[in-house]
Amino acid sequence: MEEQYMGIDQYGNTYHGLKHPRKDLMARLGYRSAQRMFKDKRDGTSVHTGYVVGPYWVDVVTVTPWERPA
């Protein structure tokens, strides 16, 4: 299965079915550029968590199927 991503902005809007998160978010939101967004961890390091596209701060997460035997 091909890896897919989902984005959630600061207003709670969701963006499903992202195959190339940066490219797809810019196309859906109508902007031509995006900046990387980082969050600080407790140990003092920073991690890339999403993109700032126009006025939207979008956290990107990987979508994995969840299934278990009945």
PDB file of N, CA and C in Angstrom:
ATOM      1  N   MET A   1       0.844  -1.188   0.000  1.00  0.00           N
ATOM      2  CA  MET A   1       0.000   0.000   0.000  1.00  0.00           C
ATOM      3  C   MET A   1       0.887   1.248   0.000  1.00  0.00           C
ATOM      4  N   GLU A   2       0.520   2.207  -0.819  1.00  0.00           N
ATOM      5  CA  GLU A   2       1.271   3.452  -0.912  1.00  0.00           C
ATOM      6  C   GLU A   2       1.027   4.303   0.323  1.00  0.00           C
ATOM      7  N   GLU A   3       2.094   4.917   0.829  1.00  0.00           N
ATOM      8  CA  GLU A   3       1.985   5.736   2.027  1.00  0.00           C
ATOM      9  C   GLU A   3       1.175   6.996   1.740  1.00  0.00           C
ATOM     10  N   GLN A   4       0.231   7.313   2.615  1.00  0.00           N
ATOM     11  CA  GLN A   4      -0.576   8.519   2.482  1.00  0.00           C
ATOM     12  C   GLN A   4      -0.465   9.337   3.754  1.00  0.00           C
ATOM     13  N   TYR A   5      -0.764  10.619   3.603  1.00  0.00           N
ATOM     14  CA  TYR A   5      -0.668  11.552   4.713  1.00  0.00           C
ATOM     15  C   TYR A   5      -1.984  12.303   4.873  1.00  0.00           C
ATOM     16  N   MET A   6      -2.141  12.882   6.045  1.00  0.00           N
ATOM     17  CA  MET A   6      -3.312  13.698   6.353  1.00  0.00           C
ATOM     18  C   MET A   6      -2.806  14.952   7.044  1.00  0.00           C
ATOM     19  N   GLY A   7      -3.427  16.092   6.760  1.00  0.00           N
ATOM     20  CA  GLY A   7      -3.048  17.338   7.402  1.00  0.00           C
ATOM     21  C   GLY A   7      -4.183  17.876   8.253  1.00  0.00           C
ATOM     22  N   ILE A   8      -3.818  18.530   9.366  1.00  0.00           N
ATOM     23  CA  ILE A   8      -4.800  19.166  10.253  1.00  0.00           C
ATOM     24  C   ILE A   8      -4.285  20.571  10.542  1.00  0.00           C
ATOM     25  N   ASP A   9      -5.083  21.598  10.195  1.00  0.00           N
ATOM     26  CA  ASP A   9      -4.630  22.971  10.436  1.00  0.00           C
ATOM     27  C   ASP A   9      -5.049  23.455  11.815  1.00  0.00           C
ATOM     28  N   GLN A  10      -4.679  24.685  12.144  1.00  0.00           N
ATOM     29  CA  GLN A  10      -4.931  25.224  13.483  1.00  0.00           C
ATOM     30  C   GLN A  10      -6.414  25.442  13.774  1.00  0.00           C
ATOM     31  N   TYR A  11      -7.253  25.409  12.734  1.00  0.00           N
ATOM     32  CA  TYR A  11      -8.690  25.595  12.923  1.00  0.00           C
ATOM     33  C   TYR A  11      -9.436  24.261  12.993  1.00  0.00           C
ATOM     34  N   GLY A  12      -8.708  23.151  12.846  1.00  0.00           N
ATOM     35  CA  GLY A  12      -9.334  21.835  12.904  1.00  0.00           C
ATOM     36  C   GLY A  12      -9.771  21.308  11.544  1.00  0.00           C
ATOM     37  N   ASN A  13      -9.493  22.034  10.468  1.00  0.00           N
ATOM     38  CA  ASN A  13      -9.816  21.547   9.128  1.00  0.00           C
ATOM     39  C   ASN A  13      -8.865  20.418   8.773  1.00  0.00           C
ATOM     40  N   THR A  14      -9.379  19.378   8.102  1.00  0.00           N
ATOM     41  CA  THR A  14      -8.544  18.239   7.742  1.00  0.00           C
ATOM     42  C   THR A  14      -8.374  18.155   6.232  1.00  0.00           C
ATOM     43  N   TYR A  15      -7.234  17.654   5.829  1.00  0.00           N
ATOM     44  CA  TYR A  15      -6.894  17.488   4.420  1.00  0.00           C
ATOM     45  C   TYR A  15      -6.470  16.030   4.236  1.00  0.00           C
ATOM     46  N   HIS A  16      -7.349  15.235   3.654  1.00  0.00           N
ATOM     47  CA  HIS A  16      -7.125  13.795   3.524  1.00  0.00           C
ATOM     48  C   HIS A  16      -6.505  13.433   2.185  1.00  0.00           C
ATOM     49  N   GLY A  17      -5.879  12.255   2.136  1.00  0.00           N
ATOM     50  CA  GLY A  17      -5.385  11.695   0.888  1.00  0.00           C
ATOM     51  C   GLY A  17      -4.208  12.434   0.287  1.00  0.00           C
ATOM     52  N   LEU A  18      -3.317  12.955   1.118  1.00  0.00           N
ATOM     53  CA  LEU A  18      -2.147  13.657   0.614  1.00  0.00           C
ATOM     54  C   LEU A  18      -1.059  12.640   0.268  1.00  0.00           C
ATOM     55  N   LYS A  19      -0.624  12.617  -0.980  1.00  0.00           N
ATOM     56  CA  LYS A  19       0.462  11.719  -1.371  1.00  0.00           C
ATOM     57  C   LYS A  19       1.804  12.442  -1.308  1.00  0.00           C
ATOM     58  N   HIS A  20       1.807  13.709  -1.663  1.00  0.00           N
ATOM     59  CA  HIS A  20       2.977  14.579  -1.550  1.00  0.00           C
ATOM     60  C   HIS A  20       2.510  15.783  -0.746  1.00  0.00           C
ATOM     61  N   PRO A  21       2.670  15.746   0.588  1.00  0.00           N
ATOM     62  CA  PRO A  21       2.033  16.739   1.465  1.00  0.00           C
ATOM     63  C   PRO A  21       2.247  18.198   1.079  1.00  0.00           C
ATOM     64  N   ARG A  22       3.486  18.603   0.856  1.00  0.00           N
ATOM     65  CA  ARG A  22       3.749  20.018   0.554  1.00  0.00           C
ATOM     66  C   ARG A  22       3.076  20.429  -0.753  1.00  0.00           C
ATOM     67  N   LYS A  23       3.282  19.655  -1.788  1.00  0.00           N
ATOM     68  CA  LYS A  23       2.715  19.955  -3.106  1.00  0.00           C
ATOM     69  C   LYS A  23       1.190  19.937  -3.078  1.00  0.00           C
ATOM     70  N   ASP A  24       0.612  18.916  -2.461  1.00  0.00           N
ATOM     71  CA  ASP A  24      -0.846  18.789  -2.412  1.00  0.00           C
ATOM     72  C   ASP A  24      -1.495  19.889  -1.577  1.00  0.00           C
ATOM     73  N   LEU A  25      -0.880  20.265  -0.453  1.00  0.00           N
ATOM     74  CA  LEU A  25      -1.446  21.329   0.383  1.00  0.00           C
ATOM     75  C   LEU A  25      -1.421  22.674  -0.344  1.00  0.00           C
ATOM     76  N   MET A  26      -0.324  22.975  -1.033  1.00  0.00           N
ATOM     77  CA  MET A  26      -0.254  24.237  -1.775  1.00  0.00           C
ATOM     78  C   MET A  26      -1.328  24.279  -2.859  1.00  0.00           C
ATOM     79  N   ALA A  27      -1.545  23.163  -3.541  1.00  0.00           N
ATOM     80  CA  ALA A  27      -2.560  23.114  -4.596  1.00  0.00           C
ATOM     81  C   ALA A  27      -3.964  23.283  -4.024  1.00  0.00           C
ATOM     82  N   ARG A  28      -4.263  22.593  -2.927  1.00  0.00           N
ATOM     83  CA  ARG A  28      -5.609  22.664  -2.340  1.00  0.00           C
ATOM     84  C   ARG A  28      -5.923  24.018  -1.727  1.00  0.00           C
ATOM     85  N   LEU A  29      -4.902  24.662  -1.146  1.00  0.00           N
ATOM     86  CA  LEU A  29      -5.135  25.943  -0.476  1.00  0.00           C
ATOM     87  C   LEU A  29      -4.912  27.136  -1.404  1.00  0.00           C
ATOM     88  N   GLY A  30      -4.360  26.895  -2.584  1.00  0.00           N
ATOM     89  CA  GLY A  30      -4.202  27.963  -3.572  1.00  0.00           C
ATOM     90  C   GLY A  30      -3.014  28.874  -3.346  1.00  0.00           C
ATOM     91  N   TYR A  31      -1.915  28.352  -2.803  1.00  0.00           N
ATOM     92  CA  TYR A  31      -0.706  29.147  -2.578  1.00  0.00           C
ATOM     93  C   TYR A  31       0.448  28.537  -3.358  1.00  0.00           C
ATOM     94  N   ARG A  32       1.471  29.356  -3.638  1.00  0.00           N
ATOM     95  CA  ARG A  32       2.593  28.901  -4.451  1.00  0.00           C
ATOM     96  C   ARG A  32       3.833  28.572  -3.642  1.00  0.00           C
ATOM     97  N   SER A  33       3.798  28.783  -2.341  1.00  0.00           N
ATOM     98  CA  SER A  33       4.958  28.456  -1.518  1.00  0.00           C
ATOM     99  C   SER A  33       4.507  27.948  -0.154  1.00  0.00           C
ATOM    100  N   ALA A  34       5.402  27.224   0.483  1.00  0.00           N
ATOM    101  CA  ALA A  34       5.134  26.694   1.817  1.00  0.00           C
ATOM    102  C   ALA A  34       6.450  26.662   2.589  1.00  0.00           C
ATOM    103  N   GLN A  35       6.376  26.951   3.857  1.00  0.00           N
ATOM    104  CA  GLN A  35       7.550  26.910   4.723  1.00  0.00           C
ATOM    105  C   GLN A  35       7.432  25.710   5.658  1.00  0.00           C
ATOM    106  N   ARG A  36       8.564  25.133   5.995  1.00  0.00           N
ATOM    107  CA  ARG A  36       8.550  24.012   6.932  1.00  0.00           C
ATOM    108  C   ARG A  36       8.197  24.509   8.325  1.00  0.00           C
ATOM    109  N   MET A  37       7.444  23.697   9.074  1.00  0.00           N
ATOM    110  CA  MET A  37       7.053  24.042  10.432  1.00  0.00           C
ATOM    111  C   MET A  37       7.736  23.063  11.387  1.00  0.00           C
ATOM    112  N   PHE A  38       8.274  23.584  12.473  1.00  0.00           N
ATOM    113  CA  PHE A  38       8.992  22.775  13.445  1.00  0.00           C
ATOM    114  C   PHE A  38       8.365  22.919  14.817  1.00  0.00           C
ATOM    115  N   LYS A  39       8.527  21.883  15.641  1.00  0.00           N
ATOM    116  CA  LYS A  39       8.116  21.938  17.042  1.00  0.00           C
ATOM    117  C   LYS A  39       9.310  21.531  17.892  1.00  0.00           C
ATOM    118  N   ASP A  40       9.434  22.148  19.047  1.00  0.00           N
ATOM    119  CA  ASP A  40      10.513  21.814  19.975  1.00  0.00           C
ATOM    120  C   ASP A  40      10.087  20.648  20.858  1.00  0.00           C
ATOM    121  N   LYS A  41      10.998  19.702  21.027  1.00  0.00           N
ATOM    122  CA  LYS A  41      10.758  18.585  21.928  1.00  0.00           C
ATOM    123  C   LYS A  41      11.290  18.939  23.310  1.00  0.00           C
ATOM    124  N   ARG A  42      10.926  18.156  24.288  1.00  0.00           N
ATOM    125  CA  ARG A  42      11.357  18.427  25.665  1.00  0.00           C
ATOM    126  C   ARG A  42      12.869  18.325  25.848  1.00  0.00           C
ATOM    127  N   ASP A  43      13.523  17.519  25.024  1.00  0.00           N
ATOM    128  CA  ASP A  43      14.972  17.360  25.164  1.00  0.00           C
ATOM    129  C   ASP A  43      15.764  18.468  24.468  1.00  0.00           C
ATOM    130  N   GLY A  44      15.083  19.465  23.915  1.00  0.00           N
ATOM    131  CA  GLY A  44      15.742  20.605  23.310  1.00  0.00           C
ATOM    132  C   GLY A  44      15.946  20.517  21.810  1.00  0.00           C
ATOM    133  N   THR A  45      15.586  19.391  21.204  1.00  0.00           N
ATOM    134  CA  THR A  45      15.726  19.260  19.754  1.00  0.00           C
ATOM    135  C   THR A  45      14.451  19.721  19.066  1.00  0.00           C
ATOM    136  N   SER A  46      14.560  19.989  17.763  1.00  0.00           N
ATOM    137  CA  SER A  46      13.400  20.399  16.973  1.00  0.00           C
ATOM    138  C   SER A  46      13.085  19.317  15.954  1.00  0.00           C
ATOM    139  N   VAL A  47      11.793  19.126  15.665  1.00  0.00           N
ATOM    140  CA  VAL A  47      11.367  18.151  14.671  1.00  0.00           C
ATOM    141  C   VAL A  47      10.438  18.817  13.668  1.00  0.00           C
ATOM    142  N   HIS A  48      10.557  18.397  12.395  1.00  0.00           N
ATOM    143  CA  HIS A  48       9.702  18.914  11.326  1.00  0.00           C
ATOM    144  C   HIS A  48       8.350  18.224  11.432  1.00  0.00           C
ATOM    145  N   THR A  49       7.270  19.007  11.620  1.00  0.00           N
ATOM    146  CA  THR A  49       5.958  18.410  11.835  1.00  0.00           C
ATOM    147  C   THR A  49       4.931  18.784  10.781  1.00  0.00           C
ATOM    148  N   GLY A  50       5.237  19.714   9.909  1.00  0.00           N
ATOM    149  CA  GLY A  50       4.254  20.106   8.910  1.00  0.00           C
ATOM    150  C   GLY A  50       4.716  21.315   8.127  1.00  0.00           C
ATOM    151  N   TYR A  51       3.722  22.076   7.628  1.00  0.00           N
ATOM    152  CA  TYR A  51       4.017  23.214   6.761  1.00  0.00           C
ATOM    153  C   TYR A  51       3.158  24.420   7.120  1.00  0.00           C
ATOM    154  N   VAL A  52       3.703  25.595   6.869  1.00  0.00           N
ATOM    155  CA  VAL A  52       2.955  26.842   6.963  1.00  0.00           C
ATOM    156  C   VAL A  52       2.658  27.236   5.525  1.00  0.00           C
ATOM    157  N   VAL A  53       1.371  27.194   5.161  1.00  0.00           N
ATOM    158  CA  VAL A  53       0.943  27.521   3.797  1.00  0.00           C
ATOM    159  C   VAL A  53       0.002  28.712   3.904  1.00  0.00           C
ATOM    160  N   GLY A  54       0.489  29.884   3.489  1.00  0.00           N
ATOM    161  CA  GLY A  54      -0.308  31.098   3.652  1.00  0.00           C
ATOM    162  C   GLY A  54      -0.571  31.314   5.137  1.00  0.00           C
ATOM    163  N   PRO A  55      -1.834  31.530   5.513  1.00  0.00           N
ATOM    164  CA  PRO A  55      -2.145  31.737   6.928  1.00  0.00           C
ATOM    165  C   PRO A  55      -2.390  30.437   7.700  1.00  0.00           C
ATOM    166  N   TYR A  56      -2.219  29.296   7.061  1.00  0.00           N
ATOM    167  CA  TYR A  56      -2.530  28.009   7.676  1.00  0.00           C
ATOM    168  C   TYR A  56      -1.281  27.310   8.197  1.00  0.00           C
ATOM    169  N   TRP A  57      -1.349  26.813   9.430  1.00  0.00           N
ATOM    170  CA  TRP A  57      -0.291  26.016  10.029  1.00  0.00           C
ATOM    171  C   TRP A  57      -0.809  24.590  10.016  1.00  0.00           C
ATOM    172  N   VAL A  58      -0.258  23.747   9.163  1.00  0.00           N
ATOM    173  CA  VAL A  58      -0.794  22.410   8.948  1.00  0.00           C
ATOM    174  C   VAL A  58       0.160  21.354   9.488  1.00  0.00           C
ATOM    175  N   ASP A  59      -0.292  20.601  10.502  1.00  0.00           N
ATOM    176  CA  ASP A  59       0.446  19.440  11.000  1.00  0.00           C
ATOM    177  C   ASP A  59       0.168  18.285  10.062  1.00  0.00           C
ATOM    178  N   VAL A  60       1.205  17.558   9.678  1.00  0.00           N
ATOM    179  CA  VAL A  60       1.063  16.430   8.762  1.00  0.00           C
ATOM    180  C   VAL A  60       1.341  15.138   9.518  1.00  0.00           C
ATOM    181  N   VAL A  61       0.458  14.154   9.357  1.00  0.00           N
ATOM    182  CA  VAL A  61       0.620  12.847   9.994  1.00  0.00           C
ATOM    183  C   VAL A  61       0.511  11.750   8.937  1.00  0.00           C
ATOM    184  N   THR A  62       1.167  10.632   9.201  1.00  0.00           N
ATOM    185  CA  THR A  62       1.093   9.486   8.308  1.00  0.00           C
ATOM    186  C   THR A  62      -0.156   8.685   8.629  1.00  0.00           C
ATOM    187  N   VAL A  63      -0.881   8.282   7.591  1.00  0.00           N
ATOM    188  CA  VAL A  63      -2.093   7.478   7.769  1.00  0.00           C
ATOM    189  C   VAL A  63      -1.717   6.015   7.542  1.00  0.00           C
ATOM    190  N   THR A  64      -1.961   5.192   8.547  1.00  0.00           N
ATOM    191  CA  THR A  64      -1.715   3.770   8.415  1.00  0.00           C
ATOM    192  C   THR A  64      -3.014   3.013   8.655  1.00  0.00           C
ATOM    193  N   PRO A  65      -3.287   1.978   7.851  1.00  0.00           N
ATOM    194  CA  PRO A  65      -4.515   1.219   8.068  1.00  0.00           C
ATOM    195  C   PRO A  65      -4.456   0.444   9.391  1.00  0.00           C
ATOM    196  N   TRP A  66      -5.575   0.384  10.034  1.00  0.00           N
ATOM    197  CA  TRP A  66      -5.672  -0.333  11.293  1.00  0.00           C
ATOM    198  C   TRP A  66      -6.708  -1.417  11.129  1.00  0.00           C
ATOM    199  N   GLU A  67      -6.276  -2.640  11.289  1.00  0.00           N
ATOM    200  CA  GLU A  67      -7.219  -3.748  11.208  1.00  0.00           C
ATOM    201  C   GLU A  67      -6.730  -4.863  12.102  1.00  0.00           C
ATOM    202  N   ARG A  68      -7.681  -5.633  12.595  1.00  0.00           N
ATOM    203  CA  ARG A  68      -7.337  -6.785  13.415  1.00  0.00           C
ATOM    204  C   ARG A  68      -8.330  -7.896  13.125  1.00  0.00           C
ATOM    205  N   PRO A  69      -7.949  -9.134  13.353  1.00  0.00           N
ATOM    206  CA  PRO A  69      -8.843 -10.257  13.050  1.00  0.00           C
ATOM    207  C   PRO A  69     -10.110 -10.214  13.903  1.00  0.00           C
ATOM    208  N   ALA A  70     -11.204 -10.654  13.322  1.00  0.00           N
ATOM    209  CA  ALA A  70     -12.481 -10.657  14.031  1.00  0.00           C
ATOM    210  C   ALA A  70     -12.575 -11.811  14.992  1.00  0.00           C
TER     211      ALA A  70
END
